[in-house]
């Protein structure tokens, strides 16, 4: 058996992203915007869970698919940060911090995808 997914830098980064999203969603008006809050939280959790799912899969096609879903969900979080900023749910500084977490997660997930090669 290989390393557990909890040791993966991609999963750790996705966990940090998820924790940041949850912290933002507990505050002020965003906590009351149930649709946006729930979609944002689901997307962030999807990043983390799909990295774990891909890591645990024994089949390369399933690994690749899970990692691609993680990347797409990360893109969804990255996009929604504009909605948060434009509606003054977060500050410019918080938006930048969220972007950095999205970029970091994306790079690590892309690394996982590249590591699969053409298998």
C-alpha atoms as a PDB file:
ATOM      1  CA  UNK A   1       0.000   0.000   0.000  1.00  0.00           C
ATOM      2  CA  UNK A   2       1.280   3.469  -0.884  1.00  0.00           C
ATOM      3  CA  UNK A   3       1.276   6.702   1.019  1.00  0.00           C
ATOM      4  CA  UNK A   4      -2.091   7.770   2.450  1.00  0.00           C
ATOM      5  CA  UNK A   5      -3.812  10.657   0.686  1.00  0.00           C
ATOM      6  CA  UNK A   6      -3.468  12.714   3.874  1.00  0.00           C
ATOM      7  CA  UNK A   7       0.281  12.930   3.145  1.00  0.00           C
ATOM      8  CA  UNK A   8      -0.324  14.326  -0.349  1.00  0.00           C
ATOM      9  CA  UNK A   9       0.595  17.995  -0.716  1.00  0.00           C
ATOM     10  CA  UNK A  10      -2.323  18.381  -3.137  1.00  0.00           C
ATOM     11  CA  UNK A  11      -4.799  17.095  -0.542  1.00  0.00           C
ATOM     12  CA  UNK A  12      -3.252  19.244   2.212  1.00  0.00           C
ATOM     13  CA  UNK A  13      -3.547  22.302  -0.031  1.00  0.00           C
ATOM     14  CA  UNK A  14      -7.163  21.449  -0.888  1.00  0.00           C
ATOM     15  CA  UNK A  15      -7.884  21.075   2.829  1.00  0.00           C
ATOM     16  CA  UNK A  16      -6.467  24.558   3.470  1.00  0.00           C
ATOM     17  CA  UNK A  17      -8.648  25.935   0.669  1.00  0.00           C
ATOM     18  CA  UNK A  18     -11.716  24.225   2.144  1.00  0.00           C
ATOM     19  CA  UNK A  19     -10.972  25.555   5.624  1.00  0.00           C
ATOM     20  CA  UNK A  20     -10.578  29.094   4.275  1.00  0.00           C
ATOM     21  CA  UNK A  21     -13.875  28.831   2.387  1.00  0.00           C
ATOM     22  CA  UNK A  22     -15.694  27.556   5.482  1.00  0.00           C
ATOM     23  CA  UNK A  23     -14.246  30.360   7.618  1.00  0.00           C
ATOM     24  CA  UNK A  24     -15.424  32.973   5.093  1.00  0.00           C
ATOM     25  CA  UNK A  25     -18.875  31.372   4.868  1.00  0.00           C
ATOM     26  CA  UNK A  26     -19.477  31.671   8.616  1.00  0.00           C
ATOM     27  CA  UNK A  27     -19.285  35.457   8.549  1.00  0.00           C
ATOM     28  CA  UNK A  28     -21.770  38.241   8.031  1.00  0.00           C
ATOM     29  CA  UNK A  29     -24.021  38.418   5.001  1.00  0.00           C
ATOM     30  CA  UNK A  30     -22.401  35.434   3.256  1.00  0.00           C
ATOM     31  CA  UNK A  31     -23.580  33.183   6.095  1.00  0.00           C
ATOM     32  CA  UNK A  32     -27.150  34.176   5.182  1.00  0.00           C
ATOM     33  CA  UNK A  33     -26.792  33.789   1.403  1.00  0.00           C
ATOM     34  CA  UNK A  34     -27.596  30.103   1.526  1.00  0.00           C
ATOM     35  CA  UNK A  35     -27.374  29.395  -2.203  1.00  0.00           C
ATOM     36  CA  UNK A  36     -23.981  30.999  -2.754  1.00  0.00           C
ATOM     37  CA  UNK A  37     -22.586  29.773   0.555  1.00  0.00           C
ATOM     38  CA  UNK A  38     -23.665  26.179  -0.063  1.00  0.00           C
ATOM     39  CA  UNK A  39     -22.371  26.135  -3.661  1.00  0.00           C
ATOM     40  CA  UNK A  40     -19.030  27.584  -2.572  1.00  0.00           C
ATOM     41  CA  UNK A  41     -18.665  25.068   0.245  1.00  0.00           C
ATOM     42  CA  UNK A  42     -19.642  22.132  -1.973  1.00  0.00           C
ATOM     43  CA  UNK A  43     -17.093  23.176  -4.615  1.00  0.00           C
ATOM     44  CA  UNK A  44     -14.302  23.486  -2.035  1.00  0.00           C
ATOM     45  CA  UNK A  45     -15.133  20.120  -0.454  1.00  0.00           C
ATOM     46  CA  UNK A  46     -15.218  18.598  -3.946  1.00  0.00           C
ATOM     47  CA  UNK A  47     -11.612  19.673  -4.529  1.00  0.00           C
ATOM     48  CA  UNK A  48     -10.460  17.950  -1.348  1.00  0.00           C
ATOM     49  CA  UNK A  49     -12.587  14.812  -1.751  1.00  0.00           C
ATOM     50  CA  UNK A  50     -11.732  14.270  -5.413  1.00  0.00           C
ATOM     51  CA  UNK A  51      -8.011  14.478  -4.688  1.00  0.00           C
ATOM     52  CA  UNK A  52      -8.554  11.780  -2.028  1.00  0.00           C
ATOM     53  CA  UNK A  53     -10.741   9.717  -4.369  1.00  0.00           C
ATOM     54  CA  UNK A  54      -8.204   9.868  -7.177  1.00  0.00           C
ATOM     55  CA  UNK A  55      -5.358   9.040  -4.798  1.00  0.00           C
ATOM     56  CA  UNK A  56      -7.213   5.951  -3.542  1.00  0.00           C
ATOM     57  CA  UNK A  57      -8.254   4.687  -6.975  1.00  0.00           C
ATOM     58  CA  UNK A  58      -6.389   1.727  -8.443  1.00  0.00           C
ATOM     59  CA  UNK A  59      -7.403   2.528 -12.028  1.00  0.00           C
ATOM     60  CA  UNK A  60      -5.555   5.240 -13.968  1.00  0.00           C
ATOM     61  CA  UNK A  61      -8.652   6.421 -15.841  1.00  0.00           C
ATOM     62  CA  UNK A  62     -10.530   6.850 -12.549  1.00  0.00           C
ATOM     63  CA  UNK A  63      -7.543   8.652 -10.989  1.00  0.00           C
ATOM     64  CA  UNK A  64      -7.357  11.048 -13.926  1.00  0.00           C
ATOM     65  CA  UNK A  65     -11.115  11.669 -13.865  1.00  0.00           C
ATOM     66  CA  UNK A  66     -11.150  12.412 -10.107  1.00  0.00           C
ATOM     67  CA  UNK A  67      -8.158  14.749 -10.384  1.00  0.00           C
ATOM     68  CA  UNK A  68      -9.810  16.546 -13.310  1.00  0.00           C
ATOM     69  CA  UNK A  69     -13.005  16.986 -11.282  1.00  0.00           C
ATOM     70  CA  UNK A  70     -10.882  18.374  -8.427  1.00  0.00           C
ATOM     71  CA  UNK A  71      -9.304  20.860 -10.836  1.00  0.00           C
ATOM     72  CA  UNK A  72     -12.680  21.924 -12.229  1.00  0.00           C
ATOM     73  CA  UNK A  73     -14.121  22.374  -8.737  1.00  0.00           C
ATOM     74  CA  UNK A  74     -11.089  24.455  -7.827  1.00  0.00           C
ATOM     75  CA  UNK A  75     -11.852  26.596 -10.869  1.00  0.00           C
ATOM     76  CA  UNK A  76     -15.408  27.009  -9.610  1.00  0.00           C
ATOM     77  CA  UNK A  77     -14.125  28.309  -6.256  1.00  0.00           C
ATOM     78  CA  UNK A  78     -11.721  30.603  -8.088  1.00  0.00           C
ATOM     79  CA  UNK A  79     -14.572  32.008 -10.182  1.00  0.00           C
ATOM     80  CA  UNK A  80     -16.962  32.444  -7.251  1.00  0.00           C
ATOM     81  CA  UNK A  81     -14.431  34.578  -5.408  1.00  0.00           C
ATOM     82  CA  UNK A  82     -15.368  37.343  -7.857  1.00  0.00           C
ATOM     83  CA  UNK A  83     -19.010  37.064  -6.777  1.00  0.00           C
ATOM     84  CA  UNK A  84     -17.836  37.337  -3.170  1.00  0.00           C
ATOM     85  CA  UNK A  85     -15.702  40.383  -3.937  1.00  0.00           C
ATOM     86  CA  UNK A  86     -18.238  42.115  -6.208  1.00  0.00           C
ATOM     87  CA  UNK A  87     -20.951  41.736  -3.553  1.00  0.00           C
ATOM     88  CA  UNK A  88     -18.624  42.891  -0.773  1.00  0.00           C
ATOM     89  CA  UNK A  89     -18.756  39.577   1.104  1.00  0.00           C
ATOM     90  CA  UNK A  90     -14.934  39.610   1.221  1.00  0.00           C
ATOM     91  CA  UNK A  91     -12.212  42.232   1.050  1.00  0.00           C
ATOM     92  CA  UNK A  92      -9.653  42.583  -1.727  1.00  0.00           C
ATOM     93  CA  UNK A  93      -7.039  41.110   0.637  1.00  0.00           C
ATOM     94  CA  UNK A  94      -9.238  38.080   1.385  1.00  0.00           C
ATOM     95  CA  UNK A  95      -9.935  37.638  -2.320  1.00  0.00           C
ATOM     96  CA  UNK A  96      -6.186  37.645  -3.025  1.00  0.00           C
ATOM     97  CA  UNK A  97      -5.590  35.094  -0.268  1.00  0.00           C
ATOM     98  CA  UNK A  98      -8.340  32.857  -1.680  1.00  0.00           C
ATOM     99  CA  UNK A  99      -6.811  33.201  -5.162  1.00  0.00           C
ATOM    100  CA  UNK A 100      -3.397  32.137  -3.842  1.00  0.00           C
ATOM    101  CA  UNK A 101      -4.919  29.030  -2.246  1.00  0.00           C
ATOM    102  CA  UNK A 102      -6.736  28.228  -5.514  1.00  0.00           C
ATOM    103  CA  UNK A 103      -3.572  28.668  -7.581  1.00  0.00           C
ATOM    104  CA  UNK A 104      -1.511  26.536  -5.194  1.00  0.00           C
ATOM    105  CA  UNK A 105      -4.107  23.752  -5.201  1.00  0.00           C
ATOM    106  CA  UNK A 106      -4.387  23.906  -8.977  1.00  0.00           C
ATOM    107  CA  UNK A 107      -0.645  23.540  -9.473  1.00  0.00           C
ATOM    108  CA  UNK A 108      -0.470  20.552  -7.145  1.00  0.00           C
ATOM    109  CA  UNK A 109      -3.475  18.856  -8.742  1.00  0.00           C
ATOM    110  CA  UNK A 110      -1.994  19.476 -12.201  1.00  0.00           C
ATOM    111  CA  UNK A 111       1.166  17.813 -10.929  1.00  0.00           C
ATOM    112  CA  UNK A 112      -0.838  14.745  -9.943  1.00  0.00           C
ATOM    113  CA  UNK A 113      -2.410  14.650 -13.404  1.00  0.00           C
ATOM    114  CA  UNK A 114       1.005  15.006 -15.091  1.00  0.00           C
ATOM    115  CA  UNK A 115       2.414  12.239 -12.876  1.00  0.00           C
ATOM    116  CA  UNK A 116      -0.050   9.829 -14.470  1.00  0.00           C
ATOM    117  CA  UNK A 117       1.579  10.405 -17.846  1.00  0.00           C
ATOM    118  CA  UNK A 118      -0.113   8.546 -20.675  1.00  0.00           C
ATOM    119  CA  UNK A 119      -1.017   5.576 -18.519  1.00  0.00           C
END
